[in-house]
Protein backbone atom coordinates (compact mmCIF):
# COMPACT_ATOMS: atom_id res chain seq x y z
CA MET A 1 -2.22 92.32 -25.08
CA LYS A 2 -5.51 90.63 -27.36
CA LEU A 3 -4.25 87.59 -29.36
CA THR A 4 -5.38 87.03 -32.76
CA LYS A 5 -7.58 84.18 -33.90
CA LYS A 6 -4.71 82.64 -35.62
CA GLN A 7 -2.26 83.49 -33.04
CA VAL A 8 -4.59 81.13 -30.82
CA VAL A 9 -4.81 78.46 -33.01
CA PHE A 10 -1.04 78.32 -33.29
CA ILE A 11 -0.60 78.69 -29.55
CA LEU A 12 -3.23 75.39 -29.05
CA LEU A 13 -1.65 73.27 -32.00
CA GLY A 14 1.85 73.88 -30.43
CA GLY A 15 0.85 73.06 -26.95
CA ILE A 16 -0.61 69.68 -28.60
CA PHE A 17 2.46 69.43 -30.65
CA ILE A 18 5.01 70.13 -27.67
CA THR A 19 3.02 68.34 -24.91
CA ASN A 20 2.70 65.12 -27.05
CA ALA A 21 6.31 65.14 -28.00
CA ILE A 22 7.72 65.45 -24.46
CA VAL A 23 5.44 62.41 -23.58
CA ALA A 24 6.37 60.04 -26.15
CA GLU A 25 10.12 60.90 -24.84
CA LEU A 26 9.47 60.04 -21.73
CA ILE A 27 7.66 56.70 -22.05
CA GLY A 28 9.77 55.86 -25.08
CA GLY A 29 12.14 54.00 -23.12
CA LYS A 30 9.67 51.02 -22.33
CA LEU A 31 9.95 48.19 -24.81
CA ILE A 32 6.31 46.23 -25.44
CA ASN A 33 5.17 43.26 -27.55
CA PHE A 34 2.21 43.88 -29.92
CA GLY A 35 1.15 40.05 -30.91
CA PRO A 36 4.89 38.95 -32.11
CA PHE A 37 6.46 42.14 -32.55
CA LEU A 38 8.35 44.37 -30.46
CA LEU A 39 7.57 47.63 -30.07
CA SER A 40 8.50 51.05 -28.01
CA VAL A 41 5.37 52.35 -25.83
CA GLY A 42 6.37 55.60 -26.98
CA ILE A 43 4.64 55.49 -30.40
CA LEU A 44 1.53 55.80 -29.01
CA PRO A 45 1.28 59.55 -28.51
CA TRP A 46 3.15 60.24 -32.07
CA PRO A 47 -0.28 59.66 -34.03
CA ILE A 48 -1.39 63.16 -32.01
CA VAL A 49 1.86 64.78 -32.90
CA PHE A 50 1.47 63.70 -37.14
CA VAL A 51 -2.05 65.46 -36.89
CA ALA A 52 -0.91 68.77 -35.13
CA THR A 53 2.37 68.93 -37.47
CA ASP A 54 0.14 68.32 -40.65
CA LEU A 55 -2.27 71.38 -39.48
CA ILE A 56 0.10 73.69 -38.33
CA ASN A 57 1.97 73.09 -41.96
CA GLU A 58 -1.64 73.73 -43.26
CA TYR A 59 -1.69 77.11 -41.78
CA PHE A 60 1.46 78.41 -40.57
CA GLY A 61 3.48 76.60 -43.38
CA LYS A 62 6.91 74.95 -42.92
CA GLU A 63 8.58 77.59 -41.09
CA GLY A 64 5.84 77.47 -38.33
CA VAL A 65 6.70 73.72 -38.19
CA LYS A 66 10.53 74.07 -37.79
CA LYS A 67 9.77 77.05 -35.38
CA LEU A 68 8.23 74.49 -32.99
CA THR A 69 10.28 71.31 -33.93
CA PHE A 70 13.19 73.50 -32.72
CA LEU A 71 11.42 75.05 -29.68
CA THR A 72 10.38 71.27 -29.00
CA THR A 73 13.79 69.85 -28.98
CA GLY A 74 15.14 72.25 -26.78
CA LEU A 75 12.36 71.51 -24.31
CA ILE A 76 12.75 67.99 -24.45
CA LEU A 77 16.86 68.63 -23.95
CA TYR A 78 15.29 70.97 -20.73
CA THR A 79 13.31 67.82 -19.56
CA PHE A 80 16.31 65.38 -19.50
CA LEU A 81 18.22 67.74 -18.13
CA MET A 82 15.91 68.64 -14.93
CA LEU A 83 15.49 64.60 -14.57
CA PHE A 84 19.49 63.92 -14.54
CA PHE A 85 19.18 66.66 -11.77
CA ALA A 86 16.05 64.59 -10.14
CA ILE A 87 18.02 61.17 -10.46
CA GLN A 88 21.31 62.52 -8.75
CA ILE A 89 19.26 63.76 -5.64
CA PRO A 90 18.88 61.22 -2.70
CA ALA A 91 14.96 59.97 -1.91
CA SER A 92 13.93 60.62 1.42
CA GLN A 93 13.19 57.30 3.35
CA SER A 94 9.90 58.24 3.48
CA SER A 95 9.51 58.68 0.05
CA ALA A 96 7.10 55.84 -1.82
CA VAL A 97 9.36 56.48 -4.74
CA THR A 98 12.45 55.14 -4.20
CA ASP A 99 15.87 56.22 -6.09
CA GLU A 100 16.25 52.56 -8.09
CA ALA A 101 12.51 52.70 -8.82
CA PHE A 102 12.58 56.41 -9.97
CA GLY A 103 16.02 55.74 -12.41
CA GLN A 104 14.50 52.78 -13.91
CA VAL A 105 11.52 54.82 -15.05
CA PHE A 106 13.07 58.30 -15.95
CA GLY A 107 16.95 57.19 -16.30
CA GLN A 108 17.04 56.76 -20.03
CA GLY A 109 20.17 56.02 -21.37
CA MET A 110 22.38 58.93 -22.93
CA TRP A 111 21.82 56.94 -26.54
CA ILE A 112 18.26 56.86 -26.26
CA ILE A 113 18.43 60.38 -25.46
CA ILE A 114 20.64 61.20 -28.60
CA ALA A 115 18.48 58.81 -30.65
CA SER A 116 15.42 60.37 -29.80
CA VAL A 117 16.41 64.15 -30.36
CA ILE A 118 17.77 63.32 -33.76
CA ALA A 119 15.28 60.93 -35.31
CA PHE A 120 12.77 63.62 -34.12
CA VAL A 121 14.44 66.73 -35.38
CA CYS A 122 15.18 65.03 -38.76
CA SER A 123 11.61 63.48 -39.44
CA GLN A 124 9.63 66.65 -38.47
CA LEU A 125 11.81 68.84 -41.07
CA LEU A 126 11.52 66.17 -43.60
CA ASP A 127 7.82 65.76 -42.98
CA ALA A 128 7.33 69.55 -43.28
CA ALA A 129 9.31 69.83 -46.17
CA LEU A 130 7.40 66.59 -48.04
CA PHE A 131 3.73 68.30 -46.96
CA VAL A 132 4.69 71.60 -48.76
CA PHE A 133 5.95 69.37 -51.84
CA PHE A 134 2.78 67.53 -52.16
CA LYS A 135 0.80 70.34 -51.15
CA LYS A 136 1.76 72.65 -54.37
CA LYS A 137 1.90 69.12 -56.93
CA THR A 138 -2.01 68.93 -55.64
CA GLY A 139 -2.57 72.70 -56.39
CA GLY A 140 -3.70 72.73 -52.54
CA LYS A 141 -6.25 70.01 -52.92
CA MET A 142 -6.31 65.89 -51.41
CA ILE A 143 -5.31 66.95 -48.26
CA TRP A 144 -4.75 63.17 -47.28
CA LEU A 145 -2.55 62.76 -50.25
CA ARG A 146 -0.08 65.58 -48.49
CA SER A 147 -0.53 64.44 -45.24
CA THR A 148 -0.47 60.91 -45.49
CA GLY A 149 2.52 61.15 -47.90
CA SER A 150 4.90 62.84 -45.63
CA THR A 151 4.11 60.90 -42.99
CA VAL A 152 4.62 57.79 -44.82
CA ILE A 153 8.53 59.25 -45.84
CA SER A 154 9.14 60.60 -43.21
CA GLN A 155 8.08 58.13 -40.34
CA LEU A 156 10.50 55.89 -42.24
CA PHE A 157 13.50 57.50 -41.32
CA ASP A 158 12.03 58.55 -37.75
CA SER A 159 11.87 54.28 -36.95
CA PHE A 160 15.00 53.02 -38.68
CA LEU A 161 16.78 56.46 -36.85
CA VAL A 162 15.72 55.99 -33.32
CA SER A 163 15.81 52.45 -32.56
CA GLY A 164 19.24 52.10 -34.68
CA ILE A 165 20.85 54.54 -32.55
CA ALA A 166 19.06 54.11 -29.20
CA PHE A 167 19.14 50.00 -29.25
CA TRP A 168 21.22 48.13 -31.69
CA LEU A 169 23.84 50.52 -31.88
CA THR A 170 24.02 50.39 -28.26
CA GLY A 171 23.61 46.25 -28.35
CA LYS A 172 20.39 46.35 -26.29
CA VAL A 173 18.85 44.20 -29.17
CA SER A 174 19.96 42.03 -32.05
CA THR A 175 19.78 43.27 -35.64
CA LYS A 176 16.84 40.85 -36.18
CA ASP A 177 15.24 42.52 -32.98
CA TYR A 178 15.98 45.61 -34.66
CA VAL A 179 14.60 45.50 -38.15
CA ASN A 180 11.35 43.82 -36.50
CA MET A 181 10.77 46.72 -33.96
CA ALA A 182 11.81 49.26 -36.87
CA VAL A 183 9.07 47.48 -39.26
CA THR A 184 6.32 47.24 -36.92
CA GLY A 185 7.16 50.93 -35.30
CA TYR A 186 6.95 52.37 -38.42
CA SER A 187 3.47 50.04 -39.85
CA PHE A 188 1.70 50.81 -36.77
CA LYS A 189 2.60 54.67 -37.19
CA LEU A 190 1.59 54.58 -40.61
CA ILE A 191 -1.52 52.70 -40.05
CA LEU A 192 -2.96 55.17 -37.10
CA ALA A 193 -1.80 57.91 -39.21
CA ILE A 194 -4.25 56.74 -41.70
CA CYS A 195 -7.02 56.08 -39.18
CA LEU A 196 -6.55 59.58 -38.45
CA THR A 197 -6.88 61.21 -41.25
CA PRO A 198 -10.18 62.10 -40.91
CA LEU A 199 -8.82 63.93 -37.92
CA ILE A 200 -6.76 66.43 -40.25
CA TYR A 201 -10.31 67.08 -42.35
CA LEU A 202 -12.25 67.38 -39.22
CA GLY A 203 -9.13 69.80 -37.44
CA HIS A 204 -9.42 71.84 -40.90
CA SER A 205 -12.61 72.20 -41.13
CA VAL A 206 -12.91 73.82 -37.88
CA ILE A 207 -9.77 75.84 -37.66
CA SER A 208 -10.96 77.51 -41.32
CA LYS A 209 -14.32 78.30 -39.87
CA TYR A 210 -12.94 79.72 -36.81
CA LEU A 211 -10.83 81.71 -38.53
CA ARG A 212 -13.64 83.02 -41.17
CA GLU A 213 -15.88 84.03 -37.94
């Protein structure tokens, strides 16, 4: 079956979206210091998810984002399920990776999984709705406004939800560190989203030209 150009675009953007979302979940349990601030290393792939989300919304609408969000959520849960079974299987004595090392890297707690899934679904659906709202309000103009505007609001919810459920409610960090982590993560995502705005325009230009040809 020959794919249409629009189907090819959806598959490519969907692949970028899903891959980066799952990678972010896998590495999200590691906390790092960013200067005097504390944040999860899992925020690194999220700017790419923002760009993919906005481009998907631009060409396939809110329904396209919703379908990919629910598909990705299922794949994230599947990934954690496979990791759970992999952790239960004892490592061979000749394995370079011990059970303890494997568990420390991939054995994220249930609260982290719950937090990440809830935050992911809520922020993506909110982002999609806000993107459409700003697009209608601007008559389809000012891509930067609907892209950055939707990210500003949706990622505020995402940053405080995931840090609050995964680290604060479980007592892993103090309230001060929780606020520090959430604000720092949000600020970092926001700055990166603004810096990556040219990629939205570049992607929009490339995809529009491809679809016209």
